[in-house]
C-alpha atoms as a PDB file:
ATOM      1  CA  MET A   1      -6.995  13.045 -12.842  1.00  0.00           C
ATOM      2  CA  LEU A   2      -6.898  10.022 -10.948  1.00  0.00           C
ATOM      3  CA  THR A   3      -5.896   7.197 -12.977  1.00  0.00           C
ATOM      4  CA  ALA A   4      -4.648   4.685 -10.397  1.00  0.00           C
ATOM      5  CA  ASN A   5      -5.789   4.182  -6.030  1.00  0.00           C
ATOM      6  CA  TRP A   6      -3.675   2.869  -3.959  1.00  0.00           C
ATOM      7  CA  ALA A   7      -4.015  -0.723  -1.578  1.00  0.00           C
ATOM      8  CA  VAL A   8      -1.701  -1.939   1.486  1.00  0.00           C
ATOM      9  CA  GLN A   9      -1.424  -5.370   2.532  1.00  0.00           C
ATOM     10  CA  PRO A  10       1.290  -7.582   4.545  1.00  0.00           C
ATOM     11  CA  THR A  11       4.172  -8.300   2.635  1.00  0.00           C
ATOM     12  CA  ALA A  12       3.275 -11.967   3.882  1.00  0.00           C
ATOM     13  CA  PHE A  13       0.497 -12.225   1.492  1.00  0.00           C
ATOM     14  CA  GLY A  14       2.790 -12.739  -1.320  1.00  0.00           C
ATOM     15  CA  ASN A  15       0.170 -11.740  -4.360  1.00  0.00           C
ATOM     16  CA  PHE A  16      -2.269  -8.974  -4.290  1.00  0.00           C
ATOM     17  CA  ASP A  17      -5.576  -9.553  -2.801  1.00  0.00           C
ATOM     18  CA  GLU A  18      -8.468  -6.996  -3.677  1.00  0.00           C
ATOM     19  CA  TRP A  19     -10.639  -8.529  -0.684  1.00  0.00           C
ATOM     20  CA  GLY A  20      -7.648  -8.859   1.876  1.00  0.00           C
ATOM     21  CA  CYS A  21      -5.882  -5.185   1.377  1.00  0.00           C
ATOM     22  CA  SER A  22      -7.005  -1.820   2.786  1.00  0.00           C
ATOM     23  CA  TRP A  23      -7.890   0.703   0.320  1.00  0.00           C
ATOM     24  CA  ALA A  24      -5.604   4.207   0.702  1.00  0.00           C
ATOM     25  CA  THR A  25      -7.048   7.570  -0.319  1.00  0.00           C
ATOM     26  CA  ASP A  26      -3.316   8.240  -1.723  1.00  0.00           C
ATOM     27  CA  ILE A  27       0.326   7.524  -1.097  1.00  0.00           C
ATOM     28  CA  ASN A  28       0.355   9.275   2.006  1.00  0.00           C
ATOM     29  CA  HIS A  29      -2.553   7.400   3.302  1.00  0.00           C
ATOM     30  CA  ALA A  30      -1.453   4.084   2.090  1.00  0.00           C
ATOM     31  CA  TYR A  31       2.058   5.217   3.913  1.00  0.00           C
ATOM     32  CA  ARG A  32       0.347   5.314   7.338  1.00  0.00           C
ATOM     33  CA  ILE A  33      -1.847   2.480   6.917  1.00  0.00           C
ATOM     34  CA  ALA A  34       1.690   0.313   6.489  1.00  0.00           C
ATOM     35  CA  GLN A  35       2.982   1.738   9.586  1.00  0.00           C
ATOM     36  CA  GLN A  36       0.092   0.982  11.738  1.00  0.00           C
ATOM     37  CA  MET A  37       0.457  -2.626  10.340  1.00  0.00           C
ATOM     38  CA  GLY A  38       3.190  -3.539  12.932  1.00  0.00           C
ATOM     39  CA  GLU A  39       4.679  -6.026   9.918  1.00  0.00           C
ATOM     40  CA  ASP A  40       6.338  -5.572   7.009  1.00  0.00           C
ATOM     41  CA  ALA A  41       3.636  -3.535   4.135  1.00  0.00           C
ATOM     42  CA  THR A  42       3.727  -3.580   0.392  1.00  0.00           C
ATOM     43  CA  ILE A  43       2.027  -0.438  -1.175  1.00  0.00           C
ATOM     44  CA  PHE A  44       0.156  -1.537  -4.655  1.00  0.00           C
ATOM     45  CA  ARG A  45      -0.395   1.117  -7.108  1.00  0.00           C
ATOM     46  CA  CYS A  46      -3.814  -0.276  -8.519  1.00  0.00           C
ATOM     47  CA  PRO A  47      -4.537   1.413 -12.099  1.00  0.00           C
ATOM     48  CA  HIS A  48      -7.959   1.759 -13.174  1.00  0.00           C
ATOM     49  CA  GLN A  49      -7.041  -0.176 -16.408  1.00  0.00           C
ATOM     50  CA  GLY A  50      -4.372  -2.777 -16.080  1.00  0.00           C
ATOM     51  CA  ASN A  51      -3.041  -5.073 -13.435  1.00  0.00           C
ATOM     52  CA  PRO A  52      -2.386  -3.807  -9.651  1.00  0.00           C
ATOM     53  CA  MET A  53       1.885  -3.621  -9.292  1.00  0.00           C
ATOM     54  CA  ALA A  54       4.042  -3.669  -6.033  1.00  0.00           C
ATOM     55  CA  TRP A  55       4.511  -0.492  -5.507  1.00  0.00           C
ATOM     56  CA  VAL A  56       7.025  -0.004  -2.541  1.00  0.00           C
ATOM     57  CA  THR A  57       7.518  -2.258   0.303  1.00  0.00           C
ATOM     58  CA  VAL A  58       7.515  -0.504   4.212  1.00  0.00           C
ATOM     59  CA  ARG A  59       9.512  -2.266   6.711  1.00  0.00           C
ATOM     60  CA  ALA A  60       8.035  -2.617  10.543  1.00  0.00           C
ATOM     61  CA  ASP A  61      11.234  -1.324  11.691  1.00  0.00           C
ATOM     62  CA  GLU A  62      11.503   1.557   9.203  1.00  0.00           C
ATOM     63  CA  SER A  63      11.019   5.514   9.928  1.00  0.00           C
ATOM     64  CA  ILE A  64       8.370   7.143   7.593  1.00  0.00           C
ATOM     65  CA  THR A  65       7.844  10.919   7.445  1.00  0.00           C
ATOM     66  CA  THR A  66       4.478  11.835   5.492  1.00  0.00           C
ATOM     67  CA  SER A  67       3.508  15.260   4.331  1.00  0.00           C
ATOM     68  CA  ASN A  68      -0.469  14.652   5.485  1.00  0.00           C
END
């Protein structure tokens, strides 16, 4: 059962911005979005009950391999 959503936004935004972020279907999709931003990005885990939390920061020069 899905208990949270994933969102990505530039790290420069600072705090989570639900209107300025890009929503992802899963964590792998979030990593792909972060890689395409061309700048440091933060992936947030957004639980259905509770507050969003910064989950991981993806650096602009970081190389990531996802399973999808």
